[in-house]
Amino acid sequence: MSYYAAQVVPGIGIRMNAMVAPLTAVVCAWVLGGMAAPSVAFAGGILGTLIGADLLHLKEIEHLSSGNLSIGGAGVLDGIALCGLFALLLA
């Protein structure tokens, strides 16, 4: 979900709605995680955001002009922080 929700914006970096990753992680962990749902939500939300939003979009970033580009900003970092909060609430 993070891969499809994230988009590369020239001059800003990788932008994503901050609520996509935590809500997806919590719902999937609640359905599939069983007793380990908080741990699954935490790990899945953070790794899913880092891999899906940041790492898989690196090829698109290479094609942009040189300059400053933020990886992990514009909603991605907020989504990672919210994954931890939502996993805590799930516990």
PDB file of N, CA and C in Angstrom:
ATOM      1  N   MET A   1       0.823  -1.202   0.000  1.00  0.00           N
ATOM      2  CA  MET A   1       0.000   0.000   0.000  1.00  0.00           C
ATOM      3  C   MET A   1       0.859   1.255   0.000  1.00  0.00           C
ATOM      4  N   SER A   2       1.962   1.222   0.746  1.00  0.00           N
ATOM      5  CA  SER A   2       2.824   2.403   0.828  1.00  0.00           C
ATOM      6  C   SER A   2       3.433   2.743  -0.521  1.00  0.00           C
ATOM      7  N   TYR A   3       3.770   1.732  -1.291  1.00  0.00           N
ATOM      8  CA  TYR A   3       4.362   1.971  -2.607  1.00  0.00           C
ATOM      9  C   TYR A   3       3.376   2.714  -3.508  1.00  0.00           C
ATOM     10  N   TYR A   4       2.122   2.305  -3.494  1.00  0.00           N
ATOM     11  CA  TYR A   4       1.130   2.925  -4.359  1.00  0.00           C
ATOM     12  C   TYR A   4       0.675   4.283  -3.835  1.00  0.00           C
ATOM     13  N   ALA A   5       0.741   4.491  -2.527  1.00  0.00           N
ATOM     14  CA  ALA A   5       0.302   5.757  -1.946  1.00  0.00           C
ATOM     15  C   ALA A   5       1.373   6.839  -2.035  1.00  0.00           C
ATOM     16  N   ALA A   6       2.638   6.441  -2.127  1.00  0.00           N
ATOM     17  CA  ALA A   6       3.738   7.417  -2.167  1.00  0.00           C
ATOM     18  C   ALA A   6       3.970   7.895  -3.586  1.00  0.00           C
ATOM     19  N   GLN A   7       4.372   9.150  -3.689  1.00  0.00           N
ATOM     20  CA  GLN A   7       4.690   9.724  -4.988  1.00  0.00           C
ATOM     21  C   GLN A   7       5.905  10.625  -4.845  1.00  0.00           C
ATOM     22  N   VAL A   8       6.717  10.645  -5.879  1.00  0.00           N
ATOM     23  CA  VAL A   8       7.926  11.470  -5.888  1.00  0.00           C
ATOM     24  C   VAL A   8       7.551  12.849  -6.422  1.00  0.00           C
ATOM     25  N   VAL A   9       7.826  13.870  -5.631  1.00  0.00           N
ATOM     26  CA  VAL A   9       7.529  15.248  -6.005  1.00  0.00           C
ATOM     27  C   VAL A   9       8.854  15.984  -6.142  1.00  0.00           C
ATOM     28  N   PRO A  10       9.163  16.493  -7.328  1.00  0.00           N
ATOM     29  CA  PRO A  10      10.444  17.195  -7.516  1.00  0.00           C
ATOM     30  C   PRO A  10      10.562  18.394  -6.577  1.00  0.00           C
ATOM     31  N   GLY A  11      11.713  18.514  -5.957  1.00  0.00           N
ATOM     32  CA  GLY A  11      11.980  19.612  -5.041  1.00  0.00           C
ATOM     33  C   GLY A  11      11.529  19.358  -3.621  1.00  0.00           C
ATOM     34  N   ILE A  12      10.646  18.400  -3.421  1.00  0.00           N
ATOM     35  CA  ILE A  12      10.154  18.090  -2.072  1.00  0.00           C
ATOM     36  C   ILE A  12      10.681  16.745  -1.611  1.00  0.00           C
ATOM     37  N   GLY A  13      10.508  15.732  -2.417  1.00  0.00           N
ATOM     38  CA  GLY A  13      10.934  14.382  -2.055  1.00  0.00           C
ATOM     39  C   GLY A  13       9.800  13.400  -2.249  1.00  0.00           C
ATOM     40  N   ILE A  14       9.756  12.416  -1.397  1.00  0.00           N
ATOM     41  CA  ILE A  14       8.716  11.393  -1.467  1.00  0.00           C
ATOM     42  C   ILE A  14       7.589  11.812  -0.549  1.00  0.00           C
ATOM     43  N   ARG A  15       6.400  11.950  -1.114  1.00  0.00           N
ATOM     44  CA  ARG A  15       5.243  12.417  -0.359  1.00  0.00           C
ATOM     45  C   ARG A  15       4.226  11.296  -0.250  1.00  0.00           C
ATOM     46  N   MET A  16       3.630  11.173   0.947  1.00  0.00           N
ATOM     47  CA  MET A  16       2.637  10.125   1.176  1.00  0.00           C
ATOM     48  C   MET A  16       1.674  10.591   2.260  1.00  0.00           C
ATOM     49  N   ASN A  17       0.433  10.175   2.159  1.00  0.00           N
ATOM     50  CA  ASN A  17      -0.526  10.450   3.220  1.00  0.00           C
ATOM     51  C   ASN A  17      -0.079   9.711   4.478  1.00  0.00           C
ATOM     52  N   ALA A  18      -0.018  10.395   5.595  1.00  0.00           N
ATOM     53  CA  ALA A  18       0.533   9.828   6.826  1.00  0.00           C
ATOM     54  C   ALA A  18      -0.335   8.732   7.431  1.00  0.00           C
ATOM     55  N   MET A  19      -1.598   8.643   7.071  1.00  0.00           N
ATOM     56  CA  MET A  19      -2.490   7.662   7.695  1.00  0.00           C
ATOM     57  C   MET A  19      -2.572   6.340   6.936  1.00  0.00           C
ATOM     58  N   VAL A  20      -2.015   6.266   5.750  1.00  0.00           N
ATOM     59  CA  VAL A  20      -2.121   5.046   4.940  1.00  0.00           C
ATOM     60  C   VAL A  20      -1.407   3.871   5.608  1.00  0.00           C
ATOM     61  N   ALA A  21      -0.154   4.049   5.956  1.00  0.00           N
ATOM     62  CA  ALA A  21       0.641   2.952   6.519  1.00  0.00           C
ATOM     63  C   ALA A  21       0.130   2.468   7.871  1.00  0.00           C
ATOM     64  N   PRO A  22      -0.170   3.357   8.834  1.00  0.00           N
ATOM     65  CA  PRO A  22      -0.623   2.849  10.123  1.00  0.00           C
ATOM     66  C   PRO A  22      -1.972   2.142  10.061  1.00  0.00           C
ATOM     67  N   LEU A  23      -2.896   2.688   9.303  1.00  0.00           N
ATOM     68  CA  LEU A  23      -4.212   2.044   9.221  1.00  0.00           C
ATOM     69  C   LEU A  23      -4.135   0.693   8.513  1.00  0.00           C
ATOM     70  N   THR A  24      -3.372   0.621   7.442  1.00  0.00           N
ATOM     71  CA  THR A  24      -3.200  -0.655   6.747  1.00  0.00           C
ATOM     72  C   THR A  24      -2.525  -1.683   7.639  1.00  0.00           C
ATOM     73  N   ALA A  25      -1.487  -1.262   8.359  1.00  0.00           N
ATOM     74  CA  ALA A  25      -0.755  -2.187   9.233  1.00  0.00           C
ATOM     75  C   ALA A  25      -1.630  -2.696  10.368  1.00  0.00           C
ATOM     76  N   VAL A  26      -2.408  -1.813  10.970  1.00  0.00           N
ATOM     77  CA  VAL A  26      -3.253  -2.224  12.095  1.00  0.00           C
ATOM     78  C   VAL A  26      -4.360  -3.161  11.638  1.00  0.00           C
ATOM     79  N   VAL A  27      -4.994  -2.854  10.531  1.00  0.00           N
ATOM     80  CA  VAL A  27      -6.078  -3.716  10.047  1.00  0.00           C
ATOM     81  C   VAL A  27      -5.545  -5.093   9.655  1.00  0.00           C
ATOM     82  N   CYS A  28      -4.436  -5.131   8.927  1.00  0.00           N
ATOM     83  CA  CYS A  28      -3.858  -6.421   8.528  1.00  0.00           C
ATOM     84  C   CYS A  28      -3.373  -7.215   9.740  1.00  0.00           C
ATOM     85  N   ALA A  29      -2.747  -6.546  10.699  1.00  0.00           N
ATOM     86  CA  ALA A  29      -2.261  -7.243  11.887  1.00  0.00           C
ATOM     87  C   ALA A  29      -3.409  -7.736  12.748  1.00  0.00           C
ATOM     88  N   TRP A  30      -4.471  -6.960  12.817  1.00  0.00           N
ATOM     89  CA  TRP A  30      -5.628  -7.368  13.612  1.00  0.00           C
ATOM     90  C   TRP A  30      -6.298  -8.604  13.014  1.00  0.00           C
ATOM     91  N   VAL A  31      -6.358  -8.661  11.683  1.00  0.00           N
ATOM     92  CA  VAL A  31      -6.979  -9.799  11.007  1.00  0.00           C
ATOM     93  C   VAL A  31      -6.056 -11.015  11.000  1.00  0.00           C
ATOM     94  N   LEU A  32      -4.759 -10.812  10.734  1.00  0.00           N
ATOM     95  CA  LEU A  32      -3.839 -11.924  10.527  1.00  0.00           C
ATOM     96  C   LEU A  32      -2.895 -12.212  11.690  1.00  0.00           C
ATOM     97  N   GLY A  33      -2.729 -11.279  12.608  1.00  0.00           N
ATOM     98  CA  GLY A  33      -1.682 -11.388  13.615  1.00  0.00           C
ATOM     99  C   GLY A  33      -1.988 -12.241  14.826  1.00  0.00           C
ATOM    100  N   GLY A  34      -3.238 -12.388  15.178  1.00  0.00           N
ATOM    101  CA  GLY A  34      -3.579 -13.157  16.367  1.00  0.00           C
ATOM    102  C   GLY A  34      -3.085 -12.477  17.636  1.00  0.00           C
ATOM    103  N   MET A  35      -2.414 -13.217  18.498  1.00  0.00           N
ATOM    104  CA  MET A  35      -1.921 -12.674  19.762  1.00  0.00           C
ATOM    105  C   MET A  35      -0.737 -11.721  19.560  1.00  0.00           C
ATOM    106  N   ALA A  36      -0.048 -11.842  18.464  1.00  0.00           N
ATOM    107  CA  ALA A  36       1.114 -10.995  18.195  1.00  0.00           C
ATOM    108  C   ALA A  36       0.748  -9.788  17.340  1.00  0.00           C
ATOM    109  N   ALA A  37      -0.522  -9.398  17.336  1.00  0.00           N
ATOM    110  CA  ALA A  37      -0.985  -8.319  16.463  1.00  0.00           C
ATOM    111  C   ALA A  37      -0.247  -6.995  16.687  1.00  0.00           C
ATOM    112  N   PRO A  38       0.018  -6.565  17.921  1.00  0.00           N
ATOM    113  CA  PRO A  38       0.752  -5.302  18.072  1.00  0.00           C
ATOM    114  C   PRO A  38       2.163  -5.356  17.484  1.00  0.00           C
ATOM    115  N   SER A  39       2.851  -6.461  17.669  1.00  0.00           N
ATOM    116  CA  SER A  39       4.201  -6.594  17.110  1.00  0.00           C
ATOM    117  C   SER A  39       4.168  -6.636  15.593  1.00  0.00           C
ATOM    118  N   VAL A  40       3.199  -7.337  15.052  1.00  0.00           N
ATOM    119  CA  VAL A  40       3.063  -7.424  13.596  1.00  0.00           C
ATOM    120  C   VAL A  40       2.704  -6.053  13.017  1.00  0.00           C
ATOM    121  N   ALA A  41       1.833  -5.304  13.694  1.00  0.00           N
ATOM    122  CA  ALA A  41       1.452  -3.971  13.221  1.00  0.00           C
ATOM    123  C   ALA A  41       2.645  -3.027  13.252  1.00  0.00           C
ATOM    124  N   PHE A  42       3.435  -3.096  14.310  1.00  0.00           N
ATOM    125  CA  PHE A  42       4.602  -2.218  14.429  1.00  0.00           C
ATOM    126  C   PHE A  42       5.633  -2.525  13.349  1.00  0.00           C
ATOM    127  N   ALA A  43       6.029  -3.786  13.259  1.00  0.00           N
ATOM    128  CA  ALA A  43       7.060  -4.178  12.284  1.00  0.00           C
ATOM    129  C   ALA A  43       6.558  -4.003  10.852  1.00  0.00           C
ATOM    130  N   GLY A  44       5.355  -4.425  10.589  1.00  0.00           N
ATOM    131  CA  GLY A  44       4.808  -4.314   9.235  1.00  0.00           C
ATOM    132  C   GLY A  44       4.614  -2.878   8.800  1.00  0.00           C
ATOM    133  N   GLY A  45       4.165  -2.034   9.708  1.00  0.00           N
ATOM    134  CA  GLY A  45       3.952  -0.633   9.365  1.00  0.00           C
ATOM    135  C   GLY A  45       5.245   0.099   9.087  1.00  0.00           C
ATOM    136  N   ILE A  46       6.237  -0.107   9.941  1.00  0.00           N
ATOM    137  CA  ILE A  46       7.502   0.600   9.757  1.00  0.00           C
ATOM    138  C   ILE A  46       8.271   0.065   8.555  1.00  0.00           C
ATOM    139  N   LEU A  47       8.414  -1.250   8.463  1.00  0.00           N
ATOM    140  CA  LEU A  47       9.154  -1.815   7.332  1.00  0.00           C
ATOM    141  C   LEU A  47       8.420  -1.606   6.017  1.00  0.00           C
ATOM    142  N   GLY A  48       7.113  -1.700   6.056  1.00  0.00           N
ATOM    143  CA  GLY A  48       6.341  -1.467   4.843  1.00  0.00           C
ATOM    144  C   GLY A  48       6.483  -0.049   4.332  1.00  0.00           C
ATOM    145  N   THR A  49       6.532   0.897   5.258  1.00  0.00           N
ATOM    146  CA  THR A  49       6.701   2.293   4.859  1.00  0.00           C
ATOM    147  C   THR A  49       8.100   2.552   4.329  1.00  0.00           C
ATOM    148  N   LEU A  50       9.106   2.068   5.033  1.00  0.00           N
ATOM    149  CA  LEU A  50      10.483   2.313   4.595  1.00  0.00           C
ATOM    150  C   LEU A  50      10.793   1.638   3.261  1.00  0.00           C
ATOM    151  N   ILE A  51      10.348   0.406   3.121  1.00  0.00           N
ATOM    152  CA  ILE A  51      10.630  -0.319   1.883  1.00  0.00           C
ATOM    153  C   ILE A  51       9.727   0.164   0.755  1.00  0.00           C
ATOM    154  N   GLY A  52       8.432   0.225   1.021  1.00  0.00           N
ATOM    155  CA  GLY A  52       7.474   0.567  -0.031  1.00  0.00           C
ATOM    156  C   GLY A  52       7.543   2.005  -0.488  1.00  0.00           C
ATOM    157  N   ALA A  53       7.653   2.930   0.454  1.00  0.00           N
ATOM    158  CA  ALA A  53       7.623   4.342   0.074  1.00  0.00           C
ATOM    159  C   ALA A  53       8.992   4.868  -0.314  1.00  0.00           C
ATOM    160  N   ASP A  54      10.031   4.461   0.409  1.00  0.00           N
ATOM    161  CA  ASP A  54      11.359   5.042   0.167  1.00  0.00           C
ATOM    162  C   ASP A  54      12.206   4.208  -0.788  1.00  0.00           C
ATOM    163  N   LEU A  55      12.494   2.987  -0.432  1.00  0.00           N
ATOM    164  CA  LEU A  55      13.454   2.191  -1.195  1.00  0.00           C
ATOM    165  C   LEU A  55      12.975   1.834  -2.598  1.00  0.00           C
ATOM    166  N   LEU A  56      11.711   1.522  -2.751  1.00  0.00           N
ATOM    167  CA  LEU A  56      11.215   1.133  -4.072  1.00  0.00           C
ATOM    168  C   LEU A  56      11.050   2.316  -5.024  1.00  0.00           C
ATOM    169  N   HIS A  57      11.111   3.536  -4.503  1.00  0.00           N
ATOM    170  CA  HIS A  57      11.019   4.724  -5.352  1.00  0.00           C
ATOM    171  C   HIS A  57      12.384   5.339  -5.659  1.00  0.00           C
ATOM    172  N   LEU A  58      13.465   4.681  -5.280  1.00  0.00           N
ATOM    173  CA  LEU A  58      14.793   5.236  -5.511  1.00  0.00           C
ATOM    174  C   LEU A  58      15.116   5.388  -6.996  1.00  0.00           C
ATOM    175  N   LYS A  59      14.633   4.480  -7.835  1.00  0.00           N
ATOM    176  CA  LYS A  59      14.886   4.591  -9.282  1.00  0.00           C
ATOM    177  C   LYS A  59      14.267   5.864  -9.854  1.00  0.00           C
ATOM    178  N   GLU A  60      13.090   6.231  -9.361  1.00  0.00           N
ATOM    179  CA  GLU A  60      12.442   7.452  -9.840  1.00  0.00           C
ATOM    180  C   GLU A  60      13.202   8.685  -9.394  1.00  0.00           C
ATOM    181  N   ILE A  61      13.809   8.615  -8.209  1.00  0.00           N
ATOM    182  CA  ILE A  61      14.565   9.751  -7.691  1.00  0.00           C
ATOM    183  C   ILE A  61      15.824   9.973  -8.515  1.00  0.00           C
ATOM    184  N   GLU A  62      16.445   8.904  -9.001  1.00  0.00           N
ATOM    185  CA  GLU A  62      17.660   9.031  -9.813  1.00  0.00           C
ATOM    186  C   GLU A  62      17.416   9.823 -11.088  1.00  0.00           C
ATOM    187  N   HIS A  63      16.210   9.762 -11.636  1.00  0.00           N
ATOM    188  CA  HIS A  63      15.914  10.428 -12.898  1.00  0.00           C
ATOM    189  C   HIS A  63      15.614  11.916 -12.729  1.00  0.00           C
ATOM    190  N   LEU A  64      15.440  12.371 -11.501  1.00  0.00           N
ATOM    191  CA  LEU A  64      15.175  13.784 -11.267  1.00  0.00           C
ATOM    192  C   LEU A  64      16.475  14.574 -11.356  1.00  0.00           C
ATOM    193  N   SER A  65      16.348  15.850 -11.497  1.00  0.00           N
ATOM    194  CA  SER A  65      17.542  16.692 -11.560  1.00  0.00           C
ATOM    195  C   SER A  65      18.251  16.700 -10.214  1.00  0.00           C
ATOM    196  N   SER A  66      19.523  17.044 -10.250  1.00  0.00           N
ATOM    197  CA  SER A  66      20.299  17.050  -9.014  1.00  0.00           C
ATOM    198  C   SER A  66      19.827  18.179  -8.103  1.00  0.00           C
ATOM    199  N   GLY A  67      20.015  17.998  -6.828  1.00  0.00           N
ATOM    200  CA  GLY A  67      19.600  18.984  -5.844  1.00  0.00           C
ATOM    201  C   GLY A  67      19.244  18.284  -4.554  1.00  0.00           C
ATOM    202  N   ASN A  68      18.650  18.997  -3.671  1.00  0.00           N
ATOM    203  CA  ASN A  68      18.241  18.415  -2.396  1.00  0.00           C
ATOM    204  C   ASN A  68      16.922  17.681  -2.558  1.00  0.00           C
ATOM    205  N   LEU A  69      16.866  16.512  -1.981  1.00  0.00           N
ATOM    206  CA  LEU A  69      15.656  15.713  -2.037  1.00  0.00           C
ATOM    207  C   LEU A  69      15.499  15.010  -0.708  1.00  0.00           C
ATOM    208  N   SER A  70      14.333  15.083  -0.141  1.00  0.00           N
ATOM    209  CA  SER A  70      14.093  14.516   1.177  1.00  0.00           C
ATOM    210  C   SER A  70      13.545  13.108   1.054  1.00  0.00           C
ATOM    211  N   ILE A  71      14.239  12.153   1.645  1.00  0.00           N
ATOM    212  CA  ILE A  71      13.734  10.784   1.726  1.00  0.00           C
ATOM    213  C   ILE A  71      13.263  10.576   3.155  1.00  0.00           C
ATOM    214  N   GLY A  72      12.043  10.190   3.316  1.00  0.00           N
ATOM    215  CA  GLY A  72      11.493  10.008   4.654  1.00  0.00           C
ATOM    216  C   GLY A  72      10.748  11.230   5.145  1.00  0.00           C
ATOM    217  N   GLY A  73      10.558  12.200   4.304  1.00  0.00           N
ATOM    218  CA  GLY A  73       9.842  13.400   4.706  1.00  0.00           C
ATOM    219  C   GLY A  73       8.488  13.477   4.036  1.00  0.00           C
ATOM    220  N   ALA A  74       7.779  14.555   4.290  1.00  0.00           N
ATOM    221  CA  ALA A  74       6.495  14.862   3.655  1.00  0.00           C
ATOM    222  C   ALA A  74       5.465  13.766   3.860  1.00  0.00           C
ATOM    223  N   GLY A  75       5.332  13.318   5.080  1.00  0.00           N
ATOM    224  CA  GLY A  75       4.316  12.330   5.423  1.00  0.00           C
ATOM    225  C   GLY A  75       4.849  10.946   5.683  1.00  0.00           C
ATOM    226  N   VAL A  76       6.015  10.615   5.154  1.00  0.00           N
ATOM    227  CA  VAL A  76       6.577   9.280   5.361  1.00  0.00           C
ATOM    228  C   VAL A  76       7.028   9.125   6.813  1.00  0.00           C
ATOM    229  N   LEU A  77       7.739  10.119   7.334  1.00  0.00           N
ATOM    230  CA  LEU A  77       8.188  10.055   8.724  1.00  0.00           C
ATOM    231  C   LEU A  77       7.004  10.096   9.678  1.00  0.00           C
ATOM    232  N   ASP A  78       5.996  10.889   9.355  1.00  0.00           N
ATOM    233  CA  ASP A  78       4.796  10.935  10.182  1.00  0.00           C
ATOM    234  C   ASP A  78       4.102   9.579  10.203  1.00  0.00           C
ATOM    235  N   GLY A  79       4.066   8.908   9.061  1.00  0.00           N
ATOM    236  CA  GLY A  79       3.459   7.580   8.992  1.00  0.00           C
ATOM    237  C   GLY A  79       4.209   6.567   9.831  1.00  0.00           C
ATOM    238  N   ILE A  80       5.534   6.675   9.863  1.00  0.00           N
ATOM    239  CA  ILE A  80       6.335   5.756  10.669  1.00  0.00           C
ATOM    240  C   ILE A  80       6.060   5.990  12.153  1.00  0.00           C
ATOM    241  N   ALA A  81       5.997   7.244  12.567  1.00  0.00           N
ATOM    242  CA  ALA A  81       5.709   7.548  13.971  1.00  0.00           C
ATOM    243  C   ALA A  81       4.304   7.092  14.354  1.00  0.00           C
ATOM    244  N   LEU A  82       3.355   7.284  13.458  1.00  0.00           N
ATOM    245  CA  LEU A  82       1.982   6.860  13.744  1.00  0.00           C
ATOM    246  C   LEU A  82       1.851   5.341  13.787  1.00  0.00           C
ATOM    247  N   CYS A  83       2.705   4.611  13.066  1.00  0.00           N
ATOM    248  CA  CYS A  83       2.682   3.146  13.136  1.00  0.00           C
ATOM    249  C   CYS A  83       2.985   2.681  14.552  1.00  0.00           C
ATOM    250  N   GLY A  84       3.965   3.308  15.183  1.00  0.00           N
ATOM    251  CA  GLY A  84       4.285   2.966  16.562  1.00  0.00           C
ATOM    252  C   GLY A  84       3.149   3.289  17.504  1.00  0.00           C
ATOM    253  N   LEU A  85       2.513   4.448  17.321  1.00  0.00           N
ATOM    254  CA  LEU A  85       1.389   4.830  18.168  1.00  0.00           C
ATOM    255  C   LEU A  85       0.195   3.905  17.994  1.00  0.00           C
ATOM    256  N   PHE A  86      -0.136   3.568  16.759  1.00  0.00           N
ATOM    257  CA  PHE A  86      -1.266   2.682  16.501  1.00  0.00           C
ATOM    258  C   PHE A  86      -1.004   1.272  17.018  1.00  0.00           C
ATOM    259  N   ALA A  87       0.242   0.800  16.915  1.00  0.00           N
ATOM    260  CA  ALA A  87       0.568  -0.518  17.458  1.00  0.00           C
ATOM    261  C   ALA A  87       0.437  -0.515  18.976  1.00  0.00           C
ATOM    262  N   LEU A  88       0.813   0.595  19.594  1.00  0.00           N
ATOM    263  CA  LEU A  88       0.647   0.717  21.045  1.00  0.00           C
ATOM    264  C   LEU A  88      -0.833   0.714  21.424  1.00  0.00           C
ATOM    265  N   LEU A  89      -1.647   1.397  20.666  1.00  0.00           N
ATOM    266  CA  LEU A  89      -3.080   1.406  20.931  1.00  0.00           C
ATOM    267  C   LEU A  89      -3.706   0.021  20.702  1.00  0.00           C
ATOM    268  N   LEU A  90      -3.170  -0.721  19.763  1.00  0.00           N
ATOM    269  CA  LEU A  90      -3.670  -2.070  19.492  1.00  0.00           C
ATOM    270  C   LEU A  90      -3.352  -3.019  20.644  1.00  0.00           C
ATOM    271  N   ALA A  91      -2.239  -2.756  21.324  1.00  0.00           N
ATOM    272  CA  ALA A  91      -1.848  -3.609  22.455  1.00  0.00           C
ATOM    273  C   ALA A  91      -2.795  -3.354  23.613  1.00  0.00           C
TER     274      ALA A  91
END
